[in-house]
N, C-alpha and C. Protein backbone atom coordinates (compact mmCIF):
# COMPACT_ATOMS: atom_id res chain seq x y z
N UNK A 1 160.67 295.70 -13.30
CA UNK A 1 161.76 295.77 -12.35
C UNK A 1 162.42 297.14 -12.39
N UNK A 2 162.73 297.63 -13.59
CA UNK A 2 163.38 298.92 -13.71
C UNK A 2 162.49 300.03 -13.18
N UNK A 3 161.18 299.91 -13.41
CA UNK A 3 160.25 300.93 -12.93
C UNK A 3 160.33 301.03 -11.41
N UNK A 4 160.39 299.91 -10.73
CA UNK A 4 160.48 299.92 -9.27
C UNK A 4 161.69 300.72 -8.80
N UNK A 5 162.82 300.44 -9.42
CA UNK A 5 164.05 301.13 -9.00
C UNK A 5 164.04 302.60 -9.41
N UNK A 6 163.43 302.91 -10.53
CA UNK A 6 163.32 304.31 -10.92
C UNK A 6 162.49 305.08 -9.89
N UNK A 7 161.37 304.49 -9.47
CA UNK A 7 160.53 305.15 -8.46
C UNK A 7 161.29 305.29 -7.14
N UNK A 8 162.03 304.25 -6.76
CA UNK A 8 162.85 304.36 -5.54
C UNK A 8 163.87 305.49 -5.67
N UNK A 9 164.48 305.62 -6.84
CA UNK A 9 165.45 306.69 -7.06
C UNK A 9 164.82 308.07 -6.92
N UNK A 10 163.61 308.23 -7.45
CA UNK A 10 162.92 309.52 -7.33
C UNK A 10 162.55 309.79 -5.88
N UNK A 11 162.14 308.73 -5.17
CA UNK A 11 161.77 308.90 -3.76
C UNK A 11 162.97 309.14 -2.87
N UNK A 12 164.14 308.65 -3.26
CA UNK A 12 165.34 308.92 -2.48
C UNK A 12 165.65 310.42 -2.51
N UNK A 13 165.34 311.04 -3.63
CA UNK A 13 165.56 312.49 -3.76
C UNK A 13 164.61 313.27 -2.85
N UNK A 14 163.33 312.86 -2.83
CA UNK A 14 162.33 313.54 -2.00
C UNK A 14 161.04 312.73 -2.01
N UNK A 15 160.25 312.79 -0.93
CA UNK A 15 158.94 312.13 -0.93
C UNK A 15 158.05 312.72 -2.03
N UNK A 16 157.21 311.88 -2.64
CA UNK A 16 156.38 312.32 -3.75
C UNK A 16 155.06 311.55 -3.79
N UNK A 17 154.10 312.15 -4.51
CA UNK A 17 152.82 311.49 -4.80
C UNK A 17 152.99 310.64 -6.06
N UNK A 18 152.07 309.70 -6.25
CA UNK A 18 152.13 308.83 -7.42
C UNK A 18 152.11 309.61 -8.73
N UNK A 19 151.29 310.65 -8.80
CA UNK A 19 151.21 311.46 -10.01
C UNK A 19 152.56 312.10 -10.33
N UNK A 20 153.23 312.60 -9.31
CA UNK A 20 154.54 313.22 -9.50
C UNK A 20 155.56 312.19 -9.97
N UNK A 21 155.49 310.99 -9.43
CA UNK A 21 156.41 309.93 -9.82
C UNK A 21 156.22 309.55 -11.30
N UNK A 22 154.96 309.45 -11.72
CA UNK A 22 154.68 309.14 -13.13
C UNK A 22 155.22 310.25 -14.02
N UNK A 23 154.97 311.49 -13.65
CA UNK A 23 155.43 312.62 -14.44
C UNK A 23 156.96 312.62 -14.56
N UNK A 24 157.64 312.36 -13.45
CA UNK A 24 159.11 312.32 -13.48
C UNK A 24 159.60 311.17 -14.35
N UNK A 25 159.01 310.00 -14.20
CA UNK A 25 159.42 308.85 -15.00
C UNK A 25 159.25 309.15 -16.49
N UNK A 26 158.07 309.64 -16.85
CA UNK A 26 157.80 309.93 -18.26
C UNK A 26 158.75 310.98 -18.82
N UNK A 27 159.07 311.99 -18.02
CA UNK A 27 159.96 313.05 -18.49
C UNK A 27 161.38 312.54 -18.72
N UNK A 28 161.80 311.57 -17.94
CA UNK A 28 163.19 311.12 -18.04
C UNK A 28 163.39 309.85 -18.86
N UNK A 29 162.44 308.92 -18.80
CA UNK A 29 162.69 307.60 -19.35
C UNK A 29 161.69 307.10 -20.39
N UNK A 30 160.58 307.73 -20.54
CA UNK A 30 159.51 307.11 -21.33
C UNK A 30 159.18 307.86 -22.61
N UNK A 31 160.18 308.39 -23.29
CA UNK A 31 159.85 309.12 -24.52
C UNK A 31 159.25 308.19 -25.57
N UNK A 32 159.53 306.94 -25.53
CA UNK A 32 158.96 306.01 -26.50
C UNK A 32 157.62 305.44 -26.04
N UNK A 33 157.46 305.25 -24.72
CA UNK A 33 156.23 304.66 -24.21
C UNK A 33 156.00 305.13 -22.78
N UNK A 34 155.04 306.05 -22.59
CA UNK A 34 154.79 306.56 -21.24
C UNK A 34 154.31 305.46 -20.29
N UNK A 35 154.60 305.66 -19.03
CA UNK A 35 154.19 304.74 -17.98
C UNK A 35 152.69 304.93 -17.71
N UNK A 36 151.99 303.84 -17.53
CA UNK A 36 150.56 303.91 -17.22
C UNK A 36 150.36 304.16 -15.72
N UNK A 37 149.33 304.93 -15.37
CA UNK A 37 149.06 305.20 -13.96
C UNK A 37 148.86 303.91 -13.18
N UNK A 38 148.18 302.95 -13.80
CA UNK A 38 147.94 301.68 -13.11
C UNK A 38 149.25 301.00 -12.74
N UNK A 39 150.24 301.08 -13.62
CA UNK A 39 151.53 300.47 -13.32
C UNK A 39 152.24 301.21 -12.19
N UNK A 40 152.12 302.53 -12.18
CA UNK A 40 152.74 303.31 -11.10
C UNK A 40 152.17 302.87 -9.76
N UNK A 41 150.85 302.81 -9.66
CA UNK A 41 150.23 302.51 -8.37
C UNK A 41 150.39 301.05 -7.98
N UNK A 42 150.39 300.13 -8.94
CA UNK A 42 150.63 298.73 -8.57
C UNK A 42 152.08 298.56 -8.12
N UNK A 43 152.99 299.27 -8.74
CA UNK A 43 154.40 299.20 -8.32
C UNK A 43 154.57 299.80 -6.94
N UNK A 44 153.91 300.91 -6.67
CA UNK A 44 153.98 301.52 -5.34
C UNK A 44 153.42 300.58 -4.27
N UNK A 45 152.34 299.88 -4.59
CA UNK A 45 151.79 298.91 -3.63
C UNK A 45 152.79 297.80 -3.32
N UNK A 46 153.46 297.29 -4.37
CA UNK A 46 154.46 296.24 -4.15
C UNK A 46 155.64 296.76 -3.33
N UNK A 47 156.10 297.95 -3.63
CA UNK A 47 157.22 298.53 -2.88
C UNK A 47 156.82 298.75 -1.42
N UNK A 48 155.58 299.15 -1.20
CA UNK A 48 155.10 299.34 0.18
C UNK A 48 154.98 297.99 0.88
N UNK A 49 154.45 297.00 0.19
CA UNK A 49 154.33 295.65 0.74
C UNK A 49 155.70 295.10 1.15
N UNK A 50 156.71 295.38 0.32
CA UNK A 50 158.06 294.88 0.58
C UNK A 50 158.85 295.78 1.53
N UNK A 51 158.18 296.79 2.07
CA UNK A 51 158.75 297.73 3.05
C UNK A 51 159.94 298.52 2.50
N UNK A 52 159.90 298.78 1.18
CA UNK A 52 160.94 299.59 0.57
C UNK A 52 160.53 301.07 0.53
N UNK A 53 159.21 301.30 0.64
CA UNK A 53 158.68 302.66 0.77
C UNK A 53 157.61 302.64 1.85
N UNK A 54 157.25 303.83 2.28
CA UNK A 54 156.17 303.97 3.25
C UNK A 54 155.33 305.16 2.86
N UNK A 55 154.09 305.19 3.34
CA UNK A 55 153.23 306.35 3.11
C UNK A 55 153.58 307.37 4.18
N UNK A 56 154.12 308.50 3.75
CA UNK A 56 154.54 309.54 4.67
C UNK A 56 153.36 310.40 5.12
N UNK A 57 152.41 310.61 4.21
CA UNK A 57 151.25 311.44 4.54
C UNK A 57 150.11 311.11 3.59
N UNK A 58 148.90 311.32 4.08
CA UNK A 58 147.71 311.22 3.26
C UNK A 58 147.08 312.60 3.27
N UNK A 59 146.95 313.19 2.08
CA UNK A 59 146.48 314.56 1.97
C UNK A 59 145.17 314.59 1.20
N UNK A 60 144.20 315.36 1.66
CA UNK A 60 142.94 315.46 0.90
C UNK A 60 143.18 316.20 -0.41
N UNK A 61 142.45 315.79 -1.42
CA UNK A 61 142.54 316.44 -2.72
C UNK A 61 141.14 316.63 -3.27
N UNK A 62 141.04 317.07 -4.53
CA UNK A 62 139.73 317.25 -5.14
C UNK A 62 139.06 315.91 -5.36
N UNK A 63 139.84 314.88 -5.61
CA UNK A 63 139.32 313.53 -5.81
C UNK A 63 139.64 312.71 -4.57
N UNK A 64 140.16 311.50 -4.79
CA UNK A 64 140.56 310.67 -3.65
C UNK A 64 141.74 311.30 -2.91
N UNK A 65 141.91 310.88 -1.66
CA UNK A 65 143.04 311.38 -0.89
C UNK A 65 144.34 311.02 -1.61
N UNK A 66 145.30 311.94 -1.52
CA UNK A 66 146.59 311.73 -2.17
C UNK A 66 147.59 311.22 -1.15
N UNK A 67 148.29 310.15 -1.51
CA UNK A 67 149.28 309.56 -0.62
C UNK A 67 150.67 310.04 -1.05
N UNK A 68 151.43 310.50 -0.10
CA UNK A 68 152.81 310.90 -0.38
C UNK A 68 153.72 309.79 0.14
N UNK A 69 154.55 309.26 -0.75
CA UNK A 69 155.41 308.13 -0.44
C UNK A 69 156.83 308.60 -0.14
N UNK A 70 157.48 307.85 0.75
CA UNK A 70 158.88 308.11 1.09
C UNK A 70 159.62 306.78 1.07
N UNK A 71 160.90 306.84 0.73
CA UNK A 71 161.73 305.64 0.69
C UNK A 71 162.14 305.28 2.12
N UNK A 72 162.25 303.99 2.40
CA UNK A 72 162.69 303.51 3.71
C UNK A 72 164.19 303.20 3.65
N UNK A 73 164.83 302.98 4.79
CA UNK A 73 166.24 302.57 4.77
C UNK A 73 166.47 301.30 3.95
N UNK A 74 165.54 300.33 4.03
CA UNK A 74 165.68 299.12 3.21
C UNK A 74 165.59 299.47 1.72
N UNK A 75 164.74 300.43 1.39
CA UNK A 75 164.63 300.88 0.00
C UNK A 75 165.92 301.52 -0.49
N UNK A 76 166.53 302.34 0.36
CA UNK A 76 167.81 302.97 0.00
C UNK A 76 168.88 301.89 -0.22
N UNK A 77 168.93 300.90 0.67
CA UNK A 77 169.91 299.81 0.52
C UNK A 77 169.67 299.03 -0.77
N UNK A 78 168.41 298.69 -1.04
CA UNK A 78 168.08 297.94 -2.26
C UNK A 78 168.44 298.71 -3.52
N UNK A 79 168.14 299.98 -3.53
CA UNK A 79 168.48 300.82 -4.68
C UNK A 79 169.99 300.88 -4.85
N UNK A 80 170.71 301.05 -3.77
CA UNK A 80 172.17 301.10 -3.84
C UNK A 80 172.76 299.82 -4.40
N UNK A 81 172.24 298.67 -3.97
CA UNK A 81 172.74 297.39 -4.50
C UNK A 81 172.46 297.28 -5.99
N UNK A 82 171.23 297.64 -6.39
CA UNK A 82 170.83 297.53 -7.79
C UNK A 82 171.71 298.42 -8.67
N UNK A 83 172.03 299.61 -8.19
CA UNK A 83 172.83 300.55 -8.98
C UNK A 83 174.27 300.11 -9.16
N UNK A 84 174.76 299.21 -8.31
CA UNK A 84 176.15 298.77 -8.43
C UNK A 84 176.29 297.42 -9.12
N UNK A 85 175.18 296.69 -9.33
CA UNK A 85 175.24 295.38 -9.97
C UNK A 85 175.17 295.53 -11.48
N UNK A 86 176.13 294.94 -12.20
CA UNK A 86 176.05 295.00 -13.67
C UNK A 86 174.88 294.17 -14.17
N UNK A 87 174.32 294.58 -15.29
CA UNK A 87 173.25 293.82 -15.93
C UNK A 87 173.86 292.64 -16.67
N UNK A 88 173.18 291.53 -16.68
CA UNK A 88 173.64 290.34 -17.40
C UNK A 88 173.37 290.58 -18.89
N UNK A 89 174.40 290.52 -19.72
CA UNK A 89 174.17 290.68 -21.15
C UNK A 89 173.29 289.54 -21.66
N UNK A 90 172.20 289.89 -22.26
CA UNK A 90 171.24 288.89 -22.73
C UNK A 90 171.14 288.98 -24.25
N UNK A 91 171.80 288.09 -24.95
CA UNK A 91 171.65 288.09 -26.40
C UNK A 91 170.26 287.57 -26.77
N UNK A 92 169.74 288.08 -27.83
CA UNK A 92 168.41 287.66 -28.28
C UNK A 92 168.55 286.45 -29.20
N UNK A 93 168.77 285.30 -28.58
CA UNK A 93 169.03 284.08 -29.34
C UNK A 93 167.82 283.70 -30.19
N UNK A 94 166.62 283.78 -29.65
CA UNK A 94 165.42 283.42 -30.40
C UNK A 94 164.69 284.69 -30.80
N UNK A 95 165.12 285.29 -31.88
CA UNK A 95 164.58 286.56 -32.32
C UNK A 95 163.32 286.37 -33.15
N UNK A 96 162.42 287.32 -33.04
CA UNK A 96 161.20 287.31 -33.87
C UNK A 96 161.58 287.43 -35.34
N UNK A 97 162.60 288.23 -35.63
CA UNK A 97 163.02 288.39 -37.03
C UNK A 97 163.45 287.04 -37.62
N UNK A 98 164.26 286.31 -36.89
CA UNK A 98 164.71 284.99 -37.38
C UNK A 98 163.52 284.05 -37.54
N UNK A 99 162.61 284.05 -36.59
CA UNK A 99 161.44 283.17 -36.66
C UNK A 99 160.62 283.46 -37.91
N UNK A 100 160.43 284.74 -38.21
CA UNK A 100 159.65 285.09 -39.41
C UNK A 100 160.36 284.63 -40.68
N UNK A 101 161.67 284.82 -40.74
CA UNK A 101 162.42 284.38 -41.91
C UNK A 101 162.31 282.86 -42.06
N UNK A 102 162.54 282.13 -40.98
CA UNK A 102 162.48 280.67 -41.05
C UNK A 102 161.09 280.18 -41.44
N UNK A 103 160.05 280.76 -40.88
CA UNK A 103 158.68 280.34 -41.23
C UNK A 103 158.32 280.71 -42.66
N UNK A 104 158.80 281.87 -43.11
CA UNK A 104 158.55 282.24 -44.51
C UNK A 104 159.18 281.20 -45.44
N UNK A 105 160.43 280.83 -45.15
CA UNK A 105 161.10 279.82 -45.98
C UNK A 105 160.39 278.47 -45.90
N UNK A 106 159.98 278.11 -44.70
CA UNK A 106 159.31 276.83 -44.50
C UNK A 106 158.00 276.75 -45.27
N UNK A 107 157.31 277.88 -45.41
CA UNK A 107 156.01 277.89 -46.09
C UNK A 107 156.10 278.39 -47.53
N UNK A 108 157.31 278.44 -48.05
CA UNK A 108 157.54 278.89 -49.43
C UNK A 108 157.03 280.29 -49.71
N UNK A 109 157.11 281.14 -48.70
CA UNK A 109 156.80 282.56 -48.89
C UNK A 109 158.12 283.30 -49.13
N UNK A 110 158.05 284.47 -49.75
CA UNK A 110 159.28 285.19 -50.08
C UNK A 110 159.91 285.88 -48.85
N UNK A 111 160.87 285.21 -48.24
CA UNK A 111 161.55 285.79 -47.07
C UNK A 111 162.28 287.07 -47.45
N UNK A 112 162.70 287.18 -48.71
CA UNK A 112 163.38 288.39 -49.17
C UNK A 112 162.49 289.61 -49.00
N UNK A 113 161.20 289.45 -49.29
CA UNK A 113 160.26 290.57 -49.16
C UNK A 113 160.15 291.01 -47.70
N UNK A 114 160.09 290.04 -46.80
CA UNK A 114 160.04 290.38 -45.38
C UNK A 114 161.30 291.14 -44.97
N UNK A 115 162.48 290.63 -45.38
CA UNK A 115 163.73 291.28 -45.01
C UNK A 115 163.81 292.70 -45.57
N UNK A 116 163.33 292.90 -46.80
CA UNK A 116 163.32 294.24 -47.39
C UNK A 116 162.39 295.17 -46.60
N UNK A 117 161.23 294.67 -46.26
CA UNK A 117 160.28 295.49 -45.49
C UNK A 117 160.83 295.80 -44.10
N UNK A 118 161.49 294.82 -43.49
CA UNK A 118 162.05 295.02 -42.16
C UNK A 118 163.20 296.03 -42.22
N UNK A 119 164.02 295.94 -43.25
CA UNK A 119 165.11 296.90 -43.44
C UNK A 119 164.54 298.31 -43.55
N UNK A 120 163.49 298.48 -44.33
CA UNK A 120 162.86 299.79 -44.51
C UNK A 120 162.30 300.31 -43.17
N UNK A 121 161.70 299.43 -42.39
CA UNK A 121 161.16 299.85 -41.08
C UNK A 121 162.29 300.26 -40.15
N UNK A 122 163.38 299.51 -40.16
CA UNK A 122 164.53 299.86 -39.32
C UNK A 122 165.12 301.21 -39.74
N UNK A 123 165.27 301.42 -41.04
CA UNK A 123 165.84 302.68 -41.52
C UNK A 123 164.95 303.87 -41.16
N UNK A 124 163.63 303.68 -41.25
CA UNK A 124 162.71 304.75 -40.86
C UNK A 124 162.86 305.07 -39.37
N UNK A 125 162.92 304.05 -38.55
CA UNK A 125 163.09 304.27 -37.10
C UNK A 125 164.43 304.93 -36.81
N UNK A 126 165.46 304.57 -37.55
CA UNK A 126 166.77 305.19 -37.36
C UNK A 126 166.73 306.68 -37.72
N UNK A 127 165.98 307.03 -38.77
CA UNK A 127 165.84 308.45 -39.11
C UNK A 127 165.14 309.21 -37.99
N UNK A 128 164.10 308.62 -37.42
CA UNK A 128 163.38 309.26 -36.30
C UNK A 128 164.31 309.46 -35.10
N UNK A 129 165.08 308.44 -34.79
CA UNK A 129 165.99 308.53 -33.64
C UNK A 129 167.12 309.53 -33.90
N UNK A 130 167.57 309.61 -35.12
CA UNK A 130 168.61 310.58 -35.46
C UNK A 130 168.08 311.99 -35.29
N UNK A 131 166.84 312.21 -35.67
CA UNK A 131 166.22 313.53 -35.47
C UNK A 131 166.07 313.83 -33.98
N UNK A 132 165.71 312.84 -33.19
CA UNK A 132 165.60 313.02 -31.75
C UNK A 132 166.96 313.42 -31.17
N UNK A 133 168.02 312.80 -31.66
CA UNK A 133 169.37 313.16 -31.20
C UNK A 133 169.67 314.62 -31.49
N UNK A 134 169.27 315.08 -32.67
CA UNK A 134 169.55 316.47 -33.05
C UNK A 134 168.74 317.48 -32.25
N UNK A 135 167.50 317.14 -31.96
CA UNK A 135 166.60 318.12 -31.36
C UNK A 135 166.39 317.94 -29.86
N UNK A 136 166.82 316.83 -29.32
CA UNK A 136 166.53 316.53 -27.92
C UNK A 136 167.64 316.90 -26.97
N UNK A 137 167.43 316.52 -25.75
CA UNK A 137 168.39 316.76 -24.68
C UNK A 137 169.52 315.73 -24.76
N UNK A 138 170.50 315.87 -23.90
CA UNK A 138 171.58 314.89 -23.83
C UNK A 138 171.03 313.52 -23.47
N UNK A 139 170.08 313.47 -22.54
CA UNK A 139 169.46 312.18 -22.18
C UNK A 139 168.78 311.54 -23.39
N UNK A 140 168.05 312.36 -24.14
CA UNK A 140 167.40 311.85 -25.35
C UNK A 140 168.44 311.31 -26.33
N UNK A 141 169.54 312.05 -26.50
CA UNK A 141 170.58 311.64 -27.43
C UNK A 141 171.21 310.32 -27.01
N UNK A 142 171.47 310.15 -25.73
CA UNK A 142 172.08 308.91 -25.24
C UNK A 142 171.13 307.72 -25.42
N UNK A 143 169.85 307.93 -25.12
CA UNK A 143 168.87 306.86 -25.33
C UNK A 143 168.73 306.54 -26.81
N UNK A 144 168.73 307.57 -27.65
CA UNK A 144 168.64 307.35 -29.09
C UNK A 144 169.87 306.59 -29.59
N UNK A 145 171.06 306.96 -29.09
CA UNK A 145 172.28 306.24 -29.49
C UNK A 145 172.18 304.77 -29.13
N UNK A 146 171.69 304.47 -27.94
CA UNK A 146 171.55 303.08 -27.51
C UNK A 146 170.67 302.31 -28.50
N UNK A 147 169.52 302.90 -28.82
CA UNK A 147 168.60 302.25 -29.76
C UNK A 147 169.21 302.15 -31.15
N UNK A 148 169.90 303.20 -31.59
CA UNK A 148 170.51 303.19 -32.92
C UNK A 148 171.56 302.08 -33.06
N UNK A 149 172.36 301.89 -32.02
CA UNK A 149 173.38 300.84 -32.08
C UNK A 149 172.72 299.47 -32.23
N UNK A 150 171.61 299.25 -31.54
CA UNK A 150 170.91 297.97 -31.65
C UNK A 150 170.28 297.82 -33.03
N UNK A 151 169.72 298.90 -33.55
CA UNK A 151 169.13 298.83 -34.89
C UNK A 151 170.20 298.58 -35.95
N UNK A 152 171.37 299.18 -35.77
CA UNK A 152 172.48 298.93 -36.70
C UNK A 152 172.87 297.45 -36.68
N UNK A 153 172.92 296.86 -35.51
CA UNK A 153 173.24 295.43 -35.42
C UNK A 153 172.15 294.61 -36.12
N UNK A 154 170.90 294.98 -35.94
CA UNK A 154 169.81 294.29 -36.64
C UNK A 154 169.97 294.41 -38.15
N UNK A 155 170.33 295.60 -38.63
CA UNK A 155 170.51 295.77 -40.07
C UNK A 155 171.64 294.91 -40.61
N UNK A 156 172.72 294.79 -39.86
CA UNK A 156 173.81 293.90 -40.28
C UNK A 156 173.30 292.46 -40.37
N UNK A 157 172.49 292.06 -39.38
CA UNK A 157 171.93 290.71 -39.38
C UNK A 157 171.00 290.53 -40.58
N UNK A 158 170.16 291.52 -40.86
CA UNK A 158 169.24 291.45 -42.00
C UNK A 158 170.02 291.26 -43.29
N UNK A 159 171.08 292.02 -43.48
CA UNK A 159 171.89 291.90 -44.69
C UNK A 159 172.57 290.53 -44.78
N UNK A 160 173.14 290.08 -43.68
CA UNK A 160 173.80 288.77 -43.64
C UNK A 160 172.81 287.65 -43.93
N UNK A 161 171.64 287.74 -43.33
CA UNK A 161 170.61 286.72 -43.55
C UNK A 161 170.15 286.73 -45.00
N UNK A 162 169.96 287.92 -45.56
CA UNK A 162 169.58 288.02 -46.97
C UNK A 162 170.58 287.34 -47.88
N UNK A 163 171.86 287.49 -47.55
CA UNK A 163 172.91 286.87 -48.36
C UNK A 163 172.95 285.35 -48.19
N UNK A 164 172.39 284.84 -47.13
CA UNK A 164 172.45 283.40 -46.84
C UNK A 164 171.10 282.69 -46.99
N UNK A 165 170.11 283.35 -47.60
CA UNK A 165 168.77 282.77 -47.67
C UNK A 165 168.73 281.42 -48.39
N UNK A 166 169.47 281.30 -49.47
CA UNK A 166 169.43 280.02 -50.23
C UNK A 166 169.90 278.87 -49.35
N UNK A 167 170.99 279.09 -48.65
CA UNK A 167 171.53 278.03 -47.78
C UNK A 167 170.59 277.78 -46.59
N UNK A 168 170.02 278.84 -46.04
CA UNK A 168 169.07 278.68 -44.92
C UNK A 168 167.82 277.93 -45.38
N UNK A 169 167.38 278.21 -46.60
CA UNK A 169 166.21 277.51 -47.13
C UNK A 169 166.47 276.00 -47.15
N UNK A 170 167.68 275.60 -47.56
CA UNK A 170 168.03 274.17 -47.58
C UNK A 170 168.01 273.59 -46.17
N UNK A 171 168.46 274.36 -45.20
CA UNK A 171 168.50 273.87 -43.82
C UNK A 171 167.11 273.78 -43.20
N UNK A 172 166.27 274.77 -43.53
CA UNK A 172 164.92 274.81 -42.95
C UNK A 172 164.01 273.78 -43.61
N UNK A 173 164.18 273.59 -44.93
CA UNK A 173 163.34 272.65 -45.68
C UNK A 173 164.20 271.56 -46.29
N UNK A 174 164.62 270.60 -45.50
CA UNK A 174 165.49 269.54 -46.06
C UNK A 174 164.75 268.69 -47.08
């Protein structure tokens, strides 16, 4: 969903080819995971099907013809609505971390070891993100801050869960 609106935002600025859209997306939003070309083109097909974009021109290239896409008035309206609607806060009620802890306790495996390993993985990722904040752009720093705040919350949960393992074990294995 976000990819669709990101592409619409780039097209609102100026008509572009799929390759240019991928490059722009990756430069601005995908430092952790670049967008796949297949996703770009499948998203463009859906946006075209929904009449949010149109093919402005087909240009010959060294390979297949290159299509230049432009946003339609409906696309501009849809992007505008999306940009003004707040996101619904979605707490992660059924977390993978909790599931692993509960299953470890249920199977008499050492949940403490998992929590220690998870804490170490979180701390390593936090070091990487902190370095990105120091060396990257303002956009990189803001994205890193967002991730760091979530990782800090996870670490608090890991510590709290570690302190409550005995009681949780009783609840999981009555």
